[in-house]
Amino acid sequence: MDFLFHGLVGAIIGECAPKSIKNRRTKGALAAMSPDIANIPLYLYLGMKTDSFMWIPSAEEFYENTWVIDHWSWVLWNLSHSFLFLGLILAPIIYRSKYSNLISVAYLSHLLLDIPSHSGVWSVKPMWPIGGYSPGWFDAWAWNAEQILTYSMLPLIAWVFIKYLRDYQYIVWPSEVTKRLNNSAKSQR
């Protein structure tokens, strides 16, 4: 998937998190986009090698330069897109955070969305370094700007709907119900 789609899905996850978490939507969006942040050295390196404008390679340049998967920077991509990395390295680190569930679920959403949306040599290795490729069905990462904006409408609409449900308290956490009951009891005194 593309960066915008991952960010919107992360924001949806943040929207579903308890309201007591400050900036929960931003935290969800950043956690969902974070596996691709590790790709920045890879993008810049390929962009430099292909003489791309501002060192930002197009999808065609990725297709034409499959040698890049043998470059050291590709290890960062495999690492950041591995369930083993999430479970064995990242989860114990973020466990100490008050927002570990939000961050873990948003990060996991990125991995789950990328499995079907990366195919061929660009397939995800979900159990890297011990497992093989998981062949995807299409290459959403190679979408043009129009496709990115069109398909990003799906999570955007879902986010608006979930926000409506959360704002009007159709979906609440038990802690939010307790807080609401306590506030109404205080106001009746």
C-alpha atoms as a PDB file:
ATOM      1  CA  MET A   1       0.000   0.000   0.000  1.00  0.00           C
ATOM      2  CA  ASP A   2       1.030   3.598  -0.229  1.00  0.00           C
ATOM      3  CA  PHE A   3       2.082   5.928   2.570  1.00  0.00           C
ATOM      4  CA  LEU A   4      -1.227   7.856   2.666  1.00  0.00           C
ATOM      5  CA  PHE A   5      -3.338   4.685   2.870  1.00  0.00           C
ATOM      6  CA  HIS A   6      -1.227   3.342   5.750  1.00  0.00           C
ATOM      7  CA  GLY A   7      -1.480   6.666   7.561  1.00  0.00           C
ATOM      8  CA  LEU A   8      -5.265   6.776   7.244  1.00  0.00           C
ATOM      9  CA  VAL A   9      -5.627   3.190   8.469  1.00  0.00           C
ATOM     10  CA  GLY A  10      -3.384   4.061  11.428  1.00  0.00           C
ATOM     11  CA  ALA A  11      -5.545   7.109  12.147  1.00  0.00           C
ATOM     12  CA  ILE A  12      -8.632   4.862  12.147  1.00  0.00           C
ATOM     13  CA  ILE A  13      -6.923   2.601  14.673  1.00  0.00           C
ATOM     14  CA  GLY A  14      -6.070   5.677  16.724  1.00  0.00           C
ATOM     15  CA  GLU A  15      -9.682   6.822  16.507  1.00  0.00           C
ATOM     16  CA  CYS A  16     -10.781   3.476  17.954  1.00  0.00           C
ATOM     17  CA  ALA A  17      -8.309   3.779  20.852  1.00  0.00           C
ATOM     18  CA  PRO A  18      -9.435   5.129  24.222  1.00  0.00           C
ATOM     19  CA  LYS A  19      -9.995   8.884  24.203  1.00  0.00           C
ATOM     20  CA  SER A  20      -7.684   9.235  27.196  1.00  0.00           C
ATOM     21  CA  ILE A  21      -4.700   8.770  24.846  1.00  0.00           C
ATOM     22  CA  LYS A  22      -3.617  12.217  23.731  1.00  0.00           C
ATOM     23  CA  ASN A  23      -3.002  12.576  19.989  1.00  0.00           C
ATOM     24  CA  ARG A  24      -4.156   8.989  19.503  1.00  0.00           C
ATOM     25  CA  ARG A  25      -4.927   9.470  15.808  1.00  0.00           C
ATOM     26  CA  THR A  26      -1.475  10.926  15.121  1.00  0.00           C
ATOM     27  CA  LYS A  27       0.209   8.155  17.092  1.00  0.00           C
ATOM     28  CA  GLY A  28      -1.744   5.534  15.167  1.00  0.00           C
ATOM     29  CA  ALA A  29      -0.942   7.141  11.814  1.00  0.00           C
ATOM     30  CA  LEU A  30       2.781   7.448  12.573  1.00  0.00           C
ATOM     31  CA  ALA A  31       2.998   3.874  13.849  1.00  0.00           C
ATOM     32  CA  ALA A  32       1.233   2.575  10.733  1.00  0.00           C
ATOM     33  CA  MET A  33       3.560   4.526   8.429  1.00  0.00           C
ATOM     34  CA  SER A  34       6.764   3.755  10.359  1.00  0.00           C
ATOM     35  CA  PRO A  35       7.765   0.540   8.535  1.00  0.00           C
ATOM     36  CA  ASP A  36       8.063   2.561   5.325  1.00  0.00           C
ATOM     37  CA  ILE A  37      10.143   5.251   7.010  1.00  0.00           C
ATOM     38  CA  ALA A  38      12.964   2.685   7.057  1.00  0.00           C
ATOM     39  CA  ASN A  39      12.776   2.750   3.260  1.00  0.00           C
ATOM     40  CA  ILE A  40      13.969   6.331   2.966  1.00  0.00           C
ATOM     41  CA  PRO A  41      17.667   5.345   2.504  1.00  0.00           C
ATOM     42  CA  LEU A  42      16.609   2.822  -0.146  1.00  0.00           C
ATOM     43  CA  TYR A  43      14.473   5.358  -2.016  1.00  0.00           C
ATOM     44  CA  LEU A  44      17.206   7.974  -1.938  1.00  0.00           C
ATOM     45  CA  TYR A  45      19.894   5.505  -3.007  1.00  0.00           C
ATOM     46  CA  LEU A  46      17.875   4.224  -5.959  1.00  0.00           C
ATOM     47  CA  GLY A  47      16.883   7.772  -6.853  1.00  0.00           C
ATOM     48  CA  MET A  48      20.527   8.834  -6.834  1.00  0.00           C
ATOM     49  CA  LYS A  49      21.596   5.841  -8.967  1.00  0.00           C
ATOM     50  CA  THR A  50      18.823   6.426 -11.515  1.00  0.00           C
ATOM     51  CA  ASP A  51      19.341  10.205 -11.548  1.00  0.00           C
ATOM     52  CA  SER A  52      15.747  10.807 -10.463  1.00  0.00           C
ATOM     53  CA  PHE A  53      14.382  14.258  -9.734  1.00  0.00           C
ATOM     54  CA  MET A  54      15.165  15.061  -6.071  1.00  0.00           C
ATOM     55  CA  TRP A  55      16.389  11.443  -5.772  1.00  0.00           C
ATOM     56  CA  ILE A  56      12.803  10.199  -5.597  1.00  0.00           C
ATOM     57  CA  PRO A  57      12.483   7.173  -7.897  1.00  0.00           C
ATOM     58  CA  SER A  58       9.280   6.357  -9.734  1.00  0.00           C
ATOM     59  CA  ALA A  59       7.620   2.946  -9.639  1.00  0.00           C
ATOM     60  CA  GLU A  60       9.034   2.230 -13.115  1.00  0.00           C
ATOM     61  CA  GLU A  61      12.554   2.777 -11.798  1.00  0.00           C
ATOM     62  CA  PHE A  62      11.936   0.162  -9.103  1.00  0.00           C
ATOM     63  CA  TYR A  63      10.676  -2.288 -11.739  1.00  0.00           C
ATOM     64  CA  GLU A  64      13.644  -1.607 -14.016  1.00  0.00           C
ATOM     65  CA  ASN A  65      16.274  -1.840 -11.230  1.00  0.00           C
ATOM     66  CA  THR A  66      15.600  -5.055  -9.352  1.00  0.00           C
ATOM     67  CA  TRP A  67      19.298  -5.159  -8.402  1.00  0.00           C
ATOM     68  CA  VAL A  68      18.361  -2.859  -5.506  1.00  0.00           C
ATOM     69  CA  ILE A  69      17.013  -5.825  -3.508  1.00  0.00           C
ATOM     70  CA  ASP A  70      20.629  -6.990  -3.160  1.00  0.00           C
ATOM     71  CA  HIS A  71      21.738  -3.647  -1.725  1.00  0.00           C
ATOM     72  CA  TRP A  72      22.308  -3.363   2.057  1.00  0.00           C
ATOM     73  CA  SER A  73      19.465  -0.858   2.407  1.00  0.00           C
ATOM     74  CA  TRP A  74      16.984  -3.564   1.381  1.00  0.00           C
ATOM     75  CA  VAL A  75      17.731  -5.268   4.721  1.00  0.00           C
ATOM     76  CA  LEU A  76      16.016  -2.314   6.429  1.00  0.00           C
ATOM     77  CA  TRP A  77      12.892  -2.936   4.348  1.00  0.00           C
ATOM     78  CA  ASN A  78      12.858  -6.660   5.141  1.00  0.00           C
ATOM     79  CA  LEU A  79      13.477  -5.956   8.817  1.00  0.00           C
ATOM     80  CA  SER A  80      10.758  -3.331   9.159  1.00  0.00           C
ATOM     81  CA  HIS A  81       8.217  -5.553   7.340  1.00  0.00           C
ATOM     82  CA  SER A  82       8.830  -8.688   9.415  1.00  0.00           C
ATOM     83  CA  PHE A  83       6.445 -10.111  12.006  1.00  0.00           C
ATOM     84  CA  LEU A  84       9.516 -11.449  13.831  1.00  0.00           C
ATOM     85  CA  PHE A  85      10.900  -7.923  14.165  1.00  0.00           C
ATOM     86  CA  LEU A  86       7.563  -6.691  15.478  1.00  0.00           C
ATOM     87  CA  GLY A  87       7.135  -9.577  17.930  1.00  0.00           C
ATOM     88  CA  LEU A  88      10.688 -10.124  19.148  1.00  0.00           C
ATOM     89  CA  ILE A  89      12.252  -6.672  18.980  1.00  0.00           C
ATOM     90  CA  LEU A  90       9.683  -3.904  18.660  1.00  0.00           C
ATOM     91  CA  ALA A  91       6.856  -5.208  20.892  1.00  0.00           C
ATOM     92  CA  PRO A  92       9.086  -5.671  23.972  1.00  0.00           C
ATOM     93  CA  ILE A  93      10.475  -2.156  23.493  1.00  0.00           C
ATOM     94  CA  ILE A  94       7.095  -0.475  23.107  1.00  0.00           C
ATOM     95  CA  TYR A  95       5.574  -2.637  25.852  1.00  0.00           C
ATOM     96  CA  ARG A  96       6.936  -0.131  28.353  1.00  0.00           C
ATOM     97  CA  SER A  97       4.930   2.612  26.664  1.00  0.00           C
ATOM     98  CA  LYS A  98       1.453   3.542  27.848  1.00  0.00           C
ATOM     99  CA  TYR A  99       0.345   3.252  24.224  1.00  0.00           C
ATOM    100  CA  SER A 100       1.825  -0.144  23.391  1.00  0.00           C
ATOM    101  CA  ASN A 101      -1.446  -1.654  22.137  1.00  0.00           C
ATOM    102  CA  LEU A 102      -2.195   1.298  19.874  1.00  0.00           C
ATOM    103  CA  ILE A 103       1.327   1.339  18.418  1.00  0.00           C
ATOM    104  CA  SER A 104       1.500  -2.447  17.998  1.00  0.00           C
ATOM    105  CA  VAL A 105      -1.883  -2.737  16.288  1.00  0.00           C
ATOM    106  CA  ALA A 106      -1.177   0.194  13.950  1.00  0.00           C
ATOM    107  CA  TYR A 107       2.246  -1.236  13.043  1.00  0.00           C
ATOM    108  CA  LEU A 108       0.689  -4.671  12.518  1.00  0.00           C
ATOM    109  CA  SER A 109      -1.911  -3.143  10.186  1.00  0.00           C
ATOM    110  CA  HIS A 110       0.928  -1.997   7.931  1.00  0.00           C
ATOM    111  CA  LEU A 111       2.373  -5.494   7.717  1.00  0.00           C
ATOM    112  CA  LEU A 112      -1.009  -7.102   7.063  1.00  0.00           C
ATOM    113  CA  LEU A 113      -1.886  -4.585   4.336  1.00  0.00           C
ATOM    114  CA  ASP A 114       1.480  -4.968   2.604  1.00  0.00           C
ATOM    115  CA  ILE A 115       1.313  -8.767   2.244  1.00  0.00           C
ATOM    116  CA  PRO A 116      -1.348  -8.766  -0.502  1.00  0.00           C
ATOM    117  CA  SER A 117      -0.221  -5.462  -2.000  1.00  0.00           C
ATOM    118  CA  HIS A 118       3.358  -6.377  -2.967  1.00  0.00           C
ATOM    119  CA  SER A 119       4.021  -8.928  -5.702  1.00  0.00           C
ATOM    120  CA  GLY A 120       6.935 -10.439  -7.608  1.00  0.00           C
ATOM    121  CA  VAL A 121      10.412  -9.498  -6.409  1.00  0.00           C
ATOM    122  CA  TRP A 122       8.777  -6.819  -4.259  1.00  0.00           C
ATOM    123  CA  SER A 123       6.844  -9.390  -2.204  1.00  0.00           C
ATOM    124  CA  VAL A 124       6.990  -9.144   1.582  1.00  0.00           C
ATOM    125  CA  LYS A 125       9.024 -11.627   3.642  1.00  0.00           C
ATOM    126  CA  PRO A 126       6.769 -11.719   6.722  1.00  0.00           C
ATOM    127  CA  MET A 127       9.049 -14.039   8.708  1.00  0.00           C
ATOM    128  CA  TRP A 128      12.344 -12.470   7.638  1.00  0.00           C
ATOM    129  CA  PRO A 129      15.162 -13.541   8.125  1.00  0.00           C
ATOM    130  CA  ILE A 130      14.032 -17.159   8.366  1.00  0.00           C
ATOM    131  CA  GLY A 131      11.055 -17.260   5.998  1.00  0.00           C
ATOM    132  CA  GLY A 132      10.444 -16.864   2.316  1.00  0.00           C
ATOM    133  CA  TYR A 133       8.356 -14.484   0.298  1.00  0.00           C
ATOM    134  CA  SER A 134       4.601 -14.121   0.607  1.00  0.00           C
ATOM    135  CA  PRO A 135       3.491 -13.457  -2.964  1.00  0.00           C
ATOM    136  CA  GLY A 136       0.996 -10.626  -3.163  1.00  0.00           C
ATOM    137  CA  TRP A 137      -1.752 -10.063  -5.701  1.00  0.00           C
ATOM    138  CA  PHE A 138      -1.011  -6.526  -6.890  1.00  0.00           C
ATOM    139  CA  ASP A 139       1.437  -3.642  -6.411  1.00  0.00           C
ATOM    140  CA  ALA A 140      -0.408  -0.859  -4.630  1.00  0.00           C
ATOM    141  CA  TRP A 141       2.903   0.822  -3.826  1.00  0.00           C
ATOM    142  CA  ALA A 142       3.286   1.539  -7.555  1.00  0.00           C
ATOM    143  CA  TRP A 143       0.012   3.476  -7.850  1.00  0.00           C
ATOM    144  CA  ASN A 144       0.029   6.904  -9.419  1.00  0.00           C
ATOM    145  CA  ALA A 145      -1.235   9.960  -7.533  1.00  0.00           C
ATOM    146  CA  GLU A 146      -4.782   9.632  -8.891  1.00  0.00           C
ATOM    147  CA  GLN A 147      -5.047   6.001  -7.772  1.00  0.00           C
ATOM    148  CA  ILE A 148      -3.575   6.819  -4.362  1.00  0.00           C
ATOM    149  CA  LEU A 149      -6.149   9.560  -3.791  1.00  0.00           C
ATOM    150  CA  THR A 150      -9.002   7.411  -5.118  1.00  0.00           C
ATOM    151  CA  TYR A 151      -8.254   4.335  -3.022  1.00  0.00           C
ATOM    152  CA  SER A 152      -7.409   6.424   0.038  1.00  0.00           C
ATOM    153  CA  MET A 153     -11.030   7.534   0.045  1.00  0.00           C
ATOM    154  CA  LEU A 154     -11.986   4.115   1.470  1.00  0.00           C
ATOM    155  CA  PRO A 155     -10.128   4.484   4.778  1.00  0.00           C
ATOM    156  CA  LEU A 156     -10.994   8.195   4.867  1.00  0.00           C
ATOM    157  CA  ILE A 157     -14.727   7.420   4.672  1.00  0.00           C
ATOM    158  CA  ALA A 158     -14.293   4.661   7.262  1.00  0.00           C
ATOM    159  CA  TRP A 159     -12.443   7.096   9.539  1.00  0.00           C
ATOM    160  CA  VAL A 160     -15.228   9.690   9.287  1.00  0.00           C
ATOM    161  CA  PHE A 161     -17.830   7.003  10.039  1.00  0.00           C
ATOM    162  CA  ILE A 162     -15.912   5.650  13.037  1.00  0.00           C
ATOM    163  CA  LYS A 163     -15.298   9.178  14.311  1.00  0.00           C
ATOM    164  CA  TYR A 164     -19.043   9.797  14.142  1.00  0.00           C
ATOM    165  CA  LEU A 165     -19.700   6.598  16.103  1.00  0.00           C
ATOM    166  CA  ARG A 166     -17.070   7.560  18.699  1.00  0.00           C
ATOM    167  CA  ASP A 167     -18.230  11.189  18.994  1.00  0.00           C
ATOM    168  CA  TYR A 168     -21.833  10.173  19.573  1.00  0.00           C
ATOM    169  CA  GLN A 169     -20.714   7.376  21.901  1.00  0.00           C
ATOM    170  CA  TYR A 170     -22.035   4.432  19.930  1.00  0.00           C
ATOM    171  CA  ILE A 171     -18.581   2.910  20.397  1.00  0.00           C
ATOM    172  CA  VAL A 172     -17.010   3.480  23.819  1.00  0.00           C
ATOM    173  CA  TRP A 173     -14.373   1.866  25.990  1.00  0.00           C
ATOM    174  CA  PRO A 174     -15.388   0.703  29.488  1.00  0.00           C
ATOM    175  CA  SER A 175     -13.121   3.378  30.985  1.00  0.00           C
ATOM    176  CA  GLU A 176     -14.985   6.044  29.018  1.00  0.00           C
ATOM    177  CA  VAL A 177     -18.362   4.772  30.253  1.00  0.00           C
ATOM    178  CA  THR A 178     -17.120   4.878  33.846  1.00  0.00           C
ATOM    179  CA  LYS A 179     -15.776   8.415  33.375  1.00  0.00           C
ATOM    180  CA  ARG A 180     -19.075   9.527  31.810  1.00  0.00           C
ATOM    181  CA  LEU A 181     -21.057   8.004  34.710  1.00  0.00           C
ATOM    182  CA  ASN A 182     -18.797   9.668  37.269  1.00  0.00           C
ATOM    183  CA  ASN A 183     -19.154  13.050  35.531  1.00  0.00           C
ATOM    184  CA  SER A 184     -22.941  12.786  35.400  1.00  0.00           C
ATOM    185  CA  ALA A 185     -23.071  11.785  39.096  1.00  0.00           C
ATOM    186  CA  LYS A 186     -20.998  14.863  39.992  1.00  0.00           C
ATOM    187  CA  SER A 187     -23.238  17.144  37.971  1.00  0.00           C
ATOM    188  CA  GLN A 188     -26.339  15.846  39.776  1.00  0.00           C
ATOM    189  CA  ARG A 189     -24.986  16.804  43.192  1.00  0.00           C
END
